[in-house]
Every structure is written in structure tokens, then in C-alpha cells.
């Protein structure tokens, strides 16, 4: 069984930064693709960022590219999402997720269907 728990969300002002964390409880360490998704009220869940099991590959949604960084600490089984220059449109529930290791494909890791384990989410609210 794999369990994920996000933390680090909160209420911030436009232009502020946040670092989201995701602690993964599992028998293995770092043997998964990691991803972050978000879902805003009235909108579909959307891809935010992904990282390969060894951190060698990353992918970002155009909406956050250049102001967000995904990282991982495999020894701690933790994923991170650093978000800078937050905007009101970033307001959403953010979910971390893991996917089985496969040959890296940006197209595939952007799909929520690729991921088999999900956290309960953490709320990020950006005030204007």
C-alpha cells in the first residue's frame, strides 16, 4: 500500500511563493515517477509538473513553467513543488501523485491516467 500526504498549502497574496511537500509512505524509496496536479473550482484537474524517478527528467505545464520547480528527495520519499510569483489563477487544490517507472515521456506524465496513487490534496489560495 502506498499513501501520500501533501502539505504546505495556504492563503497567500499574488506574487508570493510556496513550497508544497508530499510525503510518500511506501516500502521502496524513489522508485516512481512523481507528479503534481491541481484542480480549481469548476475546472478539470490539470497537470502541473512531473519528475522522473531519479530526477533526471522534469516536465511543467505552460501555465507554471519558469516560476515553478519540482524536485524530490528519494531517501526521504518526498516530492516538492516550489511555486514562485503565484497568481490568483493558481488557486486550486494541489495533489501529488506517483506513477510506475516507464521510459520517460512528457506526453504520458502529463496525463492523470498515468498515476496510480494520489494524496488527498492541499489547498492553495492566492489573493489578488
C-alpha atoms as a PDB file:
ATOM      1  CA  UNK A   1       0.000   0.000   0.000  1.00  0.00           C
ATOM      2  CA  UNK A   2       1.178   3.485  -0.867  1.00  0.00           C
ATOM      3  CA  UNK A   3      -0.044   6.607   0.903  1.00  0.00           C
ATOM      4  CA  UNK A   4       0.708  10.195   0.002  1.00  0.00           C
ATOM      5  CA  UNK A   5       0.115  13.292   2.107  1.00  0.00           C
ATOM      6  CA  UNK A   6       0.579  16.834   0.838  1.00  0.00           C
ATOM      7  CA  UNK A   7       1.399  19.847   2.957  1.00  0.00           C
ATOM      8  CA  UNK A   8       2.493  23.438   2.529  1.00  0.00           C
ATOM      9  CA  UNK A   9      -0.630  24.949   1.068  1.00  0.00           C
ATOM     10  CA  UNK A  10      -2.238  28.048   2.430  1.00  0.00           C
ATOM     11  CA  UNK A  11      -3.512  31.531   1.762  1.00  0.00           C
ATOM     12  CA  UNK A  12      -1.027  33.849   0.104  1.00  0.00           C
ATOM     13  CA  UNK A  13      -1.024  37.051  -1.885  1.00  0.00           C
ATOM     14  CA  UNK A  14      -0.254  37.395  -5.553  1.00  0.00           C
ATOM     15  CA  UNK A  15       3.482  37.400  -6.087  1.00  0.00           C
ATOM     16  CA  UNK A  16       4.223  35.271  -3.040  1.00  0.00           C
ATOM     17  CA  UNK A  17       5.873  31.862  -3.025  1.00  0.00           C
ATOM     18  CA  UNK A  18       5.035  28.489  -1.563  1.00  0.00           C
ATOM     19  CA  UNK A  19       6.748  25.153  -1.346  1.00  0.00           C
ATOM     20  CA  UNK A  20       4.456  22.169  -1.336  1.00  0.00           C
ATOM     21  CA  UNK A  21       5.653  18.884   0.081  1.00  0.00           C
ATOM     22  CA  UNK A  22       4.420  15.359  -0.433  1.00  0.00           C
ATOM     23  CA  UNK A  23       5.476  12.592   1.909  1.00  0.00           C
ATOM     24  CA  UNK A  24       5.104   9.144   0.431  1.00  0.00           C
ATOM     25  CA  UNK A  25       4.736   6.088   2.619  1.00  0.00           C
ATOM     26  CA  UNK A  26       5.971   3.067   0.748  1.00  0.00           C
ATOM     27  CA  UNK A  27       8.204   0.044   1.049  1.00  0.00           C
ATOM     28  CA  UNK A  28      10.538   1.392  -1.615  1.00  0.00           C
ATOM     29  CA  UNK A  29      12.477   4.635  -1.964  1.00  0.00           C
ATOM     30  CA  UNK A  30      12.225   6.843  -5.015  1.00  0.00           C
ATOM     31  CA  UNK A  31      11.196   4.134  -7.438  1.00  0.00           C
ATOM     32  CA  UNK A  32       8.377   6.040  -9.080  1.00  0.00           C
ATOM     33  CA  UNK A  33       7.583   8.936 -11.300  1.00  0.00           C
ATOM     34  CA  UNK A  34       6.298  11.855  -9.263  1.00  0.00           C
ATOM     35  CA  UNK A  35       3.726  14.379 -10.318  1.00  0.00           C
ATOM     36  CA  UNK A  36       1.733  17.366  -9.175  1.00  0.00           C
ATOM     37  CA  UNK A  37      -1.746  18.175 -10.390  1.00  0.00           C
ATOM     38  CA  UNK A  38      -4.276  20.780  -9.389  1.00  0.00           C
ATOM     39  CA  UNK A  39      -7.983  21.317  -9.620  1.00  0.00           C
ATOM     40  CA  UNK A  40      -9.699  24.661  -9.322  1.00  0.00           C
ATOM     41  CA  UNK A  41     -13.411  25.103  -8.629  1.00  0.00           C
ATOM     42  CA  UNK A  42     -15.441  24.403 -11.734  1.00  0.00           C
ATOM     43  CA  UNK A  43     -12.416  23.246 -13.703  1.00  0.00           C
ATOM     44  CA  UNK A  44     -10.935  19.939 -14.719  1.00  0.00           C
ATOM     45  CA  UNK A  45      -7.926  18.550 -12.949  1.00  0.00           C
ATOM     46  CA  UNK A  46      -4.820  19.735 -14.735  1.00  0.00           C
ATOM     47  CA  UNK A  47      -1.204  18.754 -14.868  1.00  0.00           C
ATOM     48  CA  UNK A  48       1.327  20.961 -13.105  1.00  0.00           C
ATOM     49  CA  UNK A  49       4.692  19.205 -13.041  1.00  0.00           C
ATOM     50  CA  UNK A  50       6.347  15.799 -13.103  1.00  0.00           C
ATOM     51  CA  UNK A  51       9.739  14.356 -12.307  1.00  0.00           C
ATOM     52  CA  UNK A  52      11.380  11.057 -13.173  1.00  0.00           C
ATOM     53  CA  UNK A  53      12.379   8.574 -10.521  1.00  0.00           C
ATOM     54  CA  UNK A  54      15.992   9.737 -10.477  1.00  0.00           C
ATOM     55  CA  UNK A  55      15.227  13.410 -11.022  1.00  0.00           C
ATOM     56  CA  UNK A  56      16.861  13.392 -14.421  1.00  0.00           C
ATOM     57  CA  UNK A  57      13.766  14.481 -16.296  1.00  0.00           C
ATOM     58  CA  UNK A  58      11.133  17.052 -15.480  1.00  0.00           C
ATOM     59  CA  UNK A  59       8.078  18.435 -17.185  1.00  0.00           C
ATOM     60  CA  UNK A  60       5.979  21.503 -16.495  1.00  0.00           C
ATOM     61  CA  UNK A  61       2.672  22.844 -17.613  1.00  0.00           C
ATOM     62  CA  UNK A  62       2.966  26.005 -19.661  1.00  0.00           C
ATOM     63  CA  UNK A  63       0.948  27.820 -17.010  1.00  0.00           C
ATOM     64  CA  UNK A  64       3.675  27.351 -14.379  1.00  0.00           C
ATOM     65  CA  UNK A  65       6.807  26.938 -16.466  1.00  0.00           C
ATOM     66  CA  UNK A  66       9.543  29.308 -15.434  1.00  0.00           C
ATOM     67  CA  UNK A  67       8.162  30.011 -11.988  1.00  0.00           C
ATOM     68  CA  UNK A  68       7.808  26.516 -10.532  1.00  0.00           C
ATOM     69  CA  UNK A  69      10.310  23.792  -9.739  1.00  0.00           C
ATOM     70  CA  UNK A  70       9.605  20.168  -8.976  1.00  0.00           C
ATOM     71  CA  UNK A  71      12.160  18.196  -7.010  1.00  0.00           C
ATOM     72  CA  UNK A  72      12.474  15.090  -4.920  1.00  0.00           C
ATOM     73  CA  UNK A  73      14.420  13.584  -2.067  1.00  0.00           C
ATOM     74  CA  UNK A  74      14.282   9.872  -2.632  1.00  0.00           C
ATOM     75  CA  UNK A  75      15.895   8.950   0.677  1.00  0.00           C
ATOM     76  CA  UNK A  76      13.034  10.749   2.402  1.00  0.00           C
ATOM     77  CA  UNK A  77      10.396   9.646  -0.100  1.00  0.00           C
ATOM     78  CA  UNK A  78       9.359  13.234  -0.546  1.00  0.00           C
ATOM     79  CA  UNK A  79       8.270  15.288  -3.533  1.00  0.00           C
ATOM     80  CA  UNK A  80       8.374  19.065  -3.611  1.00  0.00           C
ATOM     81  CA  UNK A  81       6.832  21.764  -5.704  1.00  0.00           C
ATOM     82  CA  UNK A  82       8.313  25.209  -5.327  1.00  0.00           C
ATOM     83  CA  UNK A  83       5.986  27.847  -6.713  1.00  0.00           C
ATOM     84  CA  UNK A  84       7.044  31.443  -7.147  1.00  0.00           C
ATOM     85  CA  UNK A  85       5.215  34.535  -8.293  1.00  0.00           C
ATOM     86  CA  UNK A  86       1.888  32.958  -7.506  1.00  0.00           C
ATOM     87  CA  UNK A  87      -1.146  34.264  -9.305  1.00  0.00           C
ATOM     88  CA  UNK A  88      -4.854  34.110  -8.489  1.00  0.00           C
ATOM     89  CA  UNK A  89      -5.262  31.597 -11.306  1.00  0.00           C
ATOM     90  CA  UNK A  90      -3.026  29.240  -9.332  1.00  0.00           C
ATOM     91  CA  UNK A  91      -5.752  28.896  -6.715  1.00  0.00           C
ATOM     92  CA  UNK A  92      -6.658  25.221  -6.554  1.00  0.00           C
ATOM     93  CA  UNK A  93      -6.371  22.050  -4.589  1.00  0.00           C
ATOM     94  CA  UNK A  94      -2.956  20.605  -5.337  1.00  0.00           C
ATOM     95  CA  UNK A  95      -2.461  16.862  -5.464  1.00  0.00           C
ATOM     96  CA  UNK A  96       0.723  14.861  -5.564  1.00  0.00           C
ATOM     97  CA  UNK A  97       0.749  11.506  -7.256  1.00  0.00           C
ATOM     98  CA  UNK A  98       3.052   8.658  -8.188  1.00  0.00           C
ATOM     99  CA  UNK A  99       3.243   6.555 -11.305  1.00  0.00           C
ATOM    100  CA  UNK A 100       5.085   3.373 -12.220  1.00  0.00           C
ATOM    101  CA  UNK A 101       8.516   3.887 -13.713  1.00  0.00           C
ATOM    102  CA  UNK A 102       8.409   3.815 -17.501  1.00  0.00           C
ATOM    103  CA  UNK A 103      10.568   5.235 -20.246  1.00  0.00           C
ATOM    104  CA  UNK A 104      10.252   8.968 -19.850  1.00  0.00           C
ATOM    105  CA  UNK A 105       7.550  10.541 -21.942  1.00  0.00           C
ATOM    106  CA  UNK A 106       6.493  14.118 -21.384  1.00  0.00           C
ATOM    107  CA  UNK A 107       3.206  13.392 -23.067  1.00  0.00           C
ATOM    108  CA  UNK A 108       2.460  10.474 -20.778  1.00  0.00           C
ATOM    109  CA  UNK A 109       3.429  12.070 -17.469  1.00  0.00           C
ATOM    110  CA  UNK A 110       1.099  14.960 -18.208  1.00  0.00           C
ATOM    111  CA  UNK A 111      -1.867  12.601 -18.097  1.00  0.00           C
ATOM    112  CA  UNK A 112      -3.547  11.953 -14.763  1.00  0.00           C
ATOM    113  CA  UNK A 113      -4.336   8.465 -16.002  1.00  0.00           C
ATOM    114  CA  UNK A 114      -0.659   7.617 -15.723  1.00  0.00           C
ATOM    115  CA  UNK A 115      -0.728   7.868 -11.937  1.00  0.00           C
ATOM    116  CA  UNK A 116      -1.920   5.157  -9.622  1.00  0.00           C
ATOM    117  CA  UNK A 117      -1.553   6.728  -6.174  1.00  0.00           C
ATOM    118  CA  UNK A 118      -2.805  10.118  -5.059  1.00  0.00           C
ATOM    119  CA  UNK A 119      -2.718  12.255  -1.978  1.00  0.00           C
ATOM    120  CA  UNK A 120      -5.810  13.920  -0.518  1.00  0.00           C
ATOM    121  CA  UNK A 121      -4.697  17.360  -1.682  1.00  0.00           C
ATOM    122  CA  UNK A 122      -3.685  20.647  -0.123  1.00  0.00           C
ATOM    123  CA  UNK A 123      -5.447  23.936  -0.747  1.00  0.00           C
ATOM    124  CA  UNK A 124      -3.565  26.836  -2.270  1.00  0.00           C
ATOM    125  CA  UNK A 125      -5.405  30.134  -2.349  1.00  0.00           C
ATOM    126  CA  UNK A 126      -3.845  33.181  -3.960  1.00  0.00           C
ATOM    127  CA  UNK A 127      -5.499  36.500  -3.240  1.00  0.00           C
ATOM    128  CA  UNK A 128      -5.351  39.354  -5.704  1.00  0.00           C
END
